[in-house]
PDB file of N, CA and C in Angstrom:
ATOM      1  N   MET A   1     -23.501  65.831  81.719  1.00  0.00           N
ATOM      2  CA  MET A   1     -22.843  66.933  81.998  1.00  0.00           C
ATOM      3  C   MET A   1     -23.343  68.307  81.126  1.00  0.00           C
ATOM      4  N   ALA A   2     -23.477  69.447  81.507  1.00  0.00           N
ATOM      5  CA  ALA A   2     -23.797  70.481  80.933  1.00  0.00           C
ATOM      6  C   ALA A   2     -22.890  70.760  79.832  1.00  0.00           C
ATOM      7  N   LYS A   3     -23.249  71.599  78.637  1.00  0.00           N
ATOM      8  CA  LYS A   3     -22.522  71.976  77.661  1.00  0.00           C
ATOM      9  C   LYS A   3     -22.070  73.633  77.797  1.00  0.00           C
ATOM     10  N   ILE A   4     -20.896  74.014  77.512  1.00  0.00           N
ATOM     11  CA  ILE A   4     -20.778  75.564  77.376  1.00  0.00           C
ATOM     12  C   ILE A   4     -20.248  76.027  76.236  1.00  0.00           C
ATOM     13  N   LYS A   5     -20.418  77.119  75.710  1.00  0.00           N
ATOM     14  CA  LYS A   5     -20.258  77.632  74.581  1.00  0.00           C
ATOM     15  C   LYS A   5     -18.784  78.758  74.834  1.00  0.00           C
ATOM     16  N   ILE A   6     -17.738  78.538  74.419  1.00  0.00           N
ATOM     17  CA  ILE A   6     -16.541  79.581  74.932  1.00  0.00           C
ATOM     18  C   ILE A   6     -16.174  80.281  73.449  1.00  0.00           C
ATOM     19  N   THR A   7     -16.291  81.575  73.501  1.00  0.00           N
ATOM     20  CA  THR A   7     -15.764  82.304  72.365  1.00  0.00           C
ATOM     21  C   THR A   7     -14.748  83.299  72.804  1.00  0.00           C
ATOM     22  N   GLN A   8     -13.743  83.174  71.969  1.00  0.00           N
ATOM     23  CA  GLN A   8     -12.402  84.152  72.036  1.00  0.00           C
ATOM     24  C   GLN A   8     -12.617  85.561  71.820  1.00  0.00           C
ATOM     25  N   VAL A   9     -12.699  86.537  72.806  1.00  0.00           N
ATOM     26  CA  VAL A   9     -13.083  87.937  72.460  1.00  0.00           C
ATOM     27  C   VAL A   9     -12.043  88.871  72.696  1.00  0.00           C
ATOM     28  N   LYS A  10     -10.652  88.310  73.130  1.00  0.00           N
ATOM     29  CA  LYS A  10      -9.489  89.122  73.209  1.00  0.00           C
ATOM     30  C   LYS A  10      -8.334  88.387  72.590  1.00  0.00           C
ATOM     31  N   SER A  11      -7.302  89.039  72.125  1.00  0.00           N
ATOM     32  CA  SER A  11      -6.186  88.335  71.500  1.00  0.00           C
ATOM     33  C   SER A  11      -5.211  87.637  72.518  1.00  0.00           C
ATOM     34  N   GLY A  12      -4.586  86.801  72.105  1.00  0.00           N
ATOM     35  CA  GLY A  12      -3.639  85.875  72.938  1.00  0.00           C
ATOM     36  C   GLY A  12      -2.146  86.607  72.781  1.00  0.00           C
ATOM     37  N   ILE A  13      -1.936  87.632  72.017  1.00  0.00           N
ATOM     38  CA  ILE A  13      -0.664  88.286  71.665  1.00  0.00           C
ATOM     39  C   ILE A  13      -0.280  89.054  73.045  1.00  0.00           C
ATOM     40  N   ASP A  14       0.938  88.886  73.316  1.00  0.00           N
ATOM     41  CA  ASP A  14       1.431  89.665  74.522  1.00  0.00           C
ATOM     42  C   ASP A  14       0.806  88.951  75.878  1.00  0.00           C
ATOM     43  N   ARG A  15       0.526  87.873  75.775  1.00  0.00           N
ATOM     44  CA  ARG A  15       0.114  87.022  76.838  1.00  0.00           C
ATOM     45  C   ARG A  15       1.157  86.046  77.240  1.00  0.00           C
ATOM     46  N   PRO A  16       1.191  85.466  78.601  1.00  0.00           N
ATOM     47  CA  PRO A  16       1.954  84.562  78.902  1.00  0.00           C
ATOM     48  C   PRO A  16       1.742  83.296  78.028  1.00  0.00           C
ATOM     49  N   GLU A  17       2.984  82.614  77.933  1.00  0.00           N
ATOM     50  CA  GLU A  17       2.931  81.417  77.201  1.00  0.00           C
ATOM     51  C   GLU A  17       1.837  80.169  77.469  1.00  0.00           C
ATOM     52  N   ARG A  18       1.772  80.226  78.895  1.00  0.00           N
ATOM     53  CA  ARG A  18       0.665  79.386  79.253  1.00  0.00           C
ATOM     54  C   ARG A  18      -0.609  79.580  79.071  1.00  0.00           C
ATOM     55  N   GLN A  19      -1.073  80.943  78.904  1.00  0.00           N
ATOM     56  CA  GLN A  19      -2.223  81.513  78.443  1.00  0.00           C
ATOM     57  C   GLN A  19      -2.622  81.103  77.140  1.00  0.00           C
ATOM     58  N   LYS A  20      -1.729  81.292  76.199  1.00  0.00           N
ATOM     59  CA  LYS A  20      -1.543  81.012  74.765  1.00  0.00           C
ATOM     60  C   LYS A  20      -1.874  79.548  74.653  1.00  0.00           C
ATOM     61  N   GLN A  21      -1.134  78.587  75.316  1.00  0.00           N
ATOM     62  CA  GLN A  21      -1.318  77.125  75.264  1.00  0.00           C
ATOM     63  C   GLN A  21      -2.763  76.691  75.569  1.00  0.00           C
ATOM     64  N   THR A  22      -3.162  77.411  76.504  1.00  0.00           N
ATOM     65  CA  THR A  22      -4.506  77.101  77.315  1.00  0.00           C
ATOM     66  C   THR A  22      -5.599  77.509  76.156  1.00  0.00           C
ATOM     67  N   LEU A  23      -5.409  78.469  75.323  1.00  0.00           N
ATOM     68  CA  LEU A  23      -6.613  78.883  74.191  1.00  0.00           C
ATOM     69  C   LEU A  23      -6.404  77.857  73.305  1.00  0.00           C
ATOM     70  N   ARG A  24      -5.233  77.321  72.958  1.00  0.00           N
ATOM     71  CA  ARG A  24      -5.100  76.331  71.766  1.00  0.00           C
ATOM     72  C   ARG A  24      -5.848  75.031  72.300  1.00  0.00           C
ATOM     73  N   ALA A  25      -5.550  74.714  73.607  1.00  0.00           N
ATOM     74  CA  ALA A  25      -5.910  73.432  74.286  1.00  0.00           C
ATOM     75  C   ALA A  25      -7.588  73.436  74.204  1.00  0.00           C
ATOM     76  N   LEU A  26      -8.115  74.741  74.237  1.00  0.00           N
ATOM     77  CA  LEU A  26      -9.596  74.775  74.322  1.00  0.00           C
ATOM     78  C   LEU A  26      -9.963  74.644  72.780  1.00  0.00           C
ATOM     79  N   GLY A  27      -9.196  74.887  71.647  1.00  0.00           N
ATOM     80  CA  GLY A  27      -9.562  74.689  70.474  1.00  0.00           C
ATOM     81  C   GLY A  27      -9.769  75.947  69.922  1.00  0.00           C
ATOM     82  N   LEU A  28      -9.332  77.104  70.561  1.00  0.00           N
ATOM     83  CA  LEU A  28      -9.585  78.573  70.135  1.00  0.00           C
ATOM     84  C   LEU A  28      -8.194  79.010  69.130  1.00  0.00           C
ATOM     85  N   LYS A  29      -8.366  79.284  67.987  1.00  0.00           N
ATOM     86  CA  LYS A  29      -7.156  79.575  67.330  1.00  0.00           C
ATOM     87  C   LYS A  29      -7.188  81.048  66.977  1.00  0.00           C
ATOM     88  N   LYS A  30      -8.471  81.647  66.536  1.00  0.00           N
ATOM     89  CA  LYS A  30      -8.576  82.902  66.271  1.00  0.00           C
ATOM     90  C   LYS A  30      -9.593  83.848  66.938  1.00  0.00           C
ATOM     91  N   MET A  31      -9.587  85.221  66.724  1.00  0.00           N
ATOM     92  CA  MET A  31     -10.638  85.876  67.532  1.00  0.00           C
ATOM     93  C   MET A  31     -11.949  85.671  66.997  1.00  0.00           C
ATOM     94  N   HIS A  32     -12.714  85.472  67.853  1.00  0.00           N
ATOM     95  CA  HIS A  32     -14.133  85.172  67.751  1.00  0.00           C
ATOM     96  C   HIS A  32     -14.569  83.833  67.207  1.00  0.00           C
ATOM     97  N   ALA A  33     -13.546  82.900  67.406  1.00  0.00           N
ATOM     98  CA  ALA A  33     -13.757  81.447  67.236  1.00  0.00           C
ATOM     99  C   ALA A  33     -14.524  81.021  68.395  1.00  0.00           C
ATOM    100  N   THR A  34     -15.484  80.036  68.155  1.00  0.00           N
ATOM    101  CA  THR A  34     -16.349  79.598  69.177  1.00  0.00           C
ATOM    102  C   THR A  34     -16.166  77.929  69.283  1.00  0.00           C
ATOM    103  N   LYS A  35     -16.264  77.472  70.308  1.00  0.00           N
ATOM    104  CA  LYS A  35     -16.396  75.998  70.451  1.00  0.00           C
ATOM    105  C   LYS A  35     -17.382  75.666  71.633  1.00  0.00           C
ATOM    106  N   GLU A  36     -18.084  74.346  71.398  1.00  0.00           N
ATOM    107  CA  GLU A  36     -19.008  73.883  72.339  1.00  0.00           C
ATOM    108  C   GLU A  36     -18.263  72.766  72.934  1.00  0.00           C
ATOM    109  N   VAL A  37     -18.193  72.625  74.293  1.00  0.00           N
ATOM    110  CA  VAL A  37     -17.418  71.628  74.959  1.00  0.00           C
ATOM    111  C   VAL A  37     -18.385  71.464  76.004  1.00  0.00           C
ATOM    112  N   GLU A  38     -18.173  70.081  76.610  1.00  0.00           N
ATOM    113  CA  GLU A  38     -18.663  69.564  77.955  1.00  0.00           C
ATOM    114  C   GLU A  38     -17.919  70.516  79.141  1.00  0.00           C
ATOM    115  N   ALA A  39     -18.877  70.822  80.139  1.00  0.00           N
ATOM    116  CA  ALA A  39     -18.405  71.535  81.317  1.00  0.00           C
ATOM    117  C   ALA A  39     -17.736  70.532  82.296  1.00  0.00           C
ATOM    118  N   THR A  40     -16.571  70.055  82.094  1.00  0.00           N
ATOM    119  CA  THR A  40     -15.906  69.187  82.879  1.00  0.00           C
ATOM    120  C   THR A  40     -15.158  69.817  83.894  1.00  0.00           C
ATOM    121  N   PRO A  41     -14.673  69.580  85.054  1.00  0.00           N
ATOM    122  CA  PRO A  41     -13.878  70.117  86.069  1.00  0.00           C
ATOM    123  C   PRO A  41     -12.600  70.719  85.409  1.00  0.00           C
ATOM    124  N   GLN A  42     -11.966  69.882  84.397  1.00  0.00           N
ATOM    125  CA  GLN A  42     -10.816  70.166  83.796  1.00  0.00           C
ATOM    126  C   GLN A  42     -10.893  71.398  82.649  1.00  0.00           C
ATOM    127  N   ILE A  43     -11.987  71.194  81.928  1.00  0.00           N
ATOM    128  CA  ILE A  43     -12.430  72.528  81.107  1.00  0.00           C
ATOM    129  C   ILE A  43     -12.713  73.793  81.824  1.00  0.00           C
ATOM    130  N   LEU A  44     -13.336  73.729  82.958  1.00  0.00           N
ATOM    131  CA  LEU A  44     -13.810  74.838  83.815  1.00  0.00           C
ATOM    132  C   LEU A  44     -12.559  75.518  84.127  1.00  0.00           C
ATOM    133  N   GLY A  45     -11.487  74.497  84.621  1.00  0.00           N
ATOM    134  CA  GLY A  45     -10.080  75.030  85.263  1.00  0.00           C
ATOM    135  C   GLY A  45      -9.442  75.863  84.010  1.00  0.00           C
ATOM    136  N   MET A  46      -9.571  75.354  82.791  1.00  0.00           N
ATOM    137  CA  MET A  46      -8.800  76.016  81.748  1.00  0.00           C
ATOM    138  C   MET A  46      -9.467  77.375  81.458  1.00  0.00           C
ATOM    139  N   VAL A  47     -10.919  77.230  81.527  1.00  0.00           N
ATOM    140  CA  VAL A  47     -11.570  78.624  81.113  1.00  0.00           C
ATOM    141  C   VAL A  47     -11.145  79.639  82.152  1.00  0.00           C
ATOM    142  N   ARG A  48     -10.900  79.177  83.634  1.00  0.00           N
ATOM    143  CA  ARG A  48     -10.869  80.130  84.752  1.00  0.00           C
ATOM    144  C   ARG A  48      -9.419  80.845  84.461  1.00  0.00           C
ATOM    145  N   THR A  49      -8.451  80.159  83.828  1.00  0.00           N
ATOM    146  CA  THR A  49      -7.138  80.538  83.425  1.00  0.00           C
ATOM    147  C   THR A  49      -7.144  81.484  82.509  1.00  0.00           C
ATOM    148  N   VAL A  50      -8.130  81.690  81.361  1.00  0.00           N
ATOM    149  CA  VAL A  50      -8.101  82.589  80.239  1.00  0.00           C
ATOM    150  C   VAL A  50      -9.515  83.486  80.473  1.00  0.00           C
ATOM    151  N   GLU A  51     -10.182  83.645  81.671  1.00  0.00           N
ATOM    152  CA  GLU A  51     -11.311  84.084  81.726  1.00  0.00           C
ATOM    153  C   GLU A  51     -11.352  85.484  81.155  1.00  0.00           C
ATOM    154  N   HIS A  52     -10.433  86.203  81.225  1.00  0.00           N
ATOM    155  CA  HIS A  52     -10.239  87.531  80.630  1.00  0.00           C
ATOM    156  C   HIS A  52     -10.024  87.726  79.198  1.00  0.00           C
ATOM    157  N   LEU A  53      -9.947  86.594  78.502  1.00  0.00           N
ATOM    158  CA  LEU A  53      -9.859  86.632  77.045  1.00  0.00           C
ATOM    159  C   LEU A  53     -11.025  85.820  76.457  1.00  0.00           C
ATOM    160  N   VAL A  54     -11.949  85.228  77.029  1.00  0.00           N
ATOM    161  CA  VAL A  54     -13.166  84.613  76.431  1.00  0.00           C
ATOM    162  C   VAL A  54     -14.420  84.968  77.001  1.00  0.00           C
ATOM    163  N   LYS A  55     -15.411  84.588  76.425  1.00  0.00           N
ATOM    164  CA  LYS A  55     -16.854  84.882  76.823  1.00  0.00           C
ATOM    165  C   LYS A  55     -17.594  83.478  76.907  1.00  0.00           C
ATOM    166  N   VAL A  56     -18.009  83.016  77.975  1.00  0.00           N
ATOM    167  CA  VAL A  56     -18.577  81.855  78.325  1.00  0.00           C
ATOM    168  C   VAL A  56     -20.091  81.708  78.388  1.00  0.00           C
ATOM    169  N   GLU A  57     -20.733  80.936  77.713  1.00  0.00           N
ATOM    170  CA  GLU A  57     -22.386  80.803  77.826  1.00  0.00           C
ATOM    171  C   GLU A  57     -22.726  79.536  77.866  1.00  0.00           C
ATOM    172  N   GLU A  58     -23.756  79.245  78.709  1.00  0.00           N
ATOM    173  CA  GLU A  58     -24.441  77.989  78.710  1.00  0.00           C
ATOM    174  C   GLU A  58     -25.262  77.773  77.664  1.00  0.00           C
ATOM    175  N   VAL A  59     -24.924  76.274  77.237  1.00  0.00           N
ATOM    176  CA  VAL A  59     -25.876  75.875  75.959  1.00  0.00           C
ATOM    177  C   VAL A  59     -27.023  75.027  76.568  1.00  0.00           C
ATOM    178  N   LYS A  60     -28.164  75.145  76.258  1.00  0.00           N
ATOM    179  CA  LYS A  60     -29.408  74.465  76.563  1.00  0.00           C
ATOM    180  C   LYS A  60     -29.621  73.286  75.833  1.00  0.00           C
TER     181      LYS A  60
END
């Protein structure tokens, strides 16, 4: 599987609870926090839920 790098670029404040929980599940706790994860269908679905709050880059 490919790896992706997820960086939180917007705050989770004033967002629905589901989006806050998704950020936590992705391992993003603070602004500008970055995580490298495998690009599984489950992770890509979570990223799609919060795509307006994060930046996604492919890692080679």
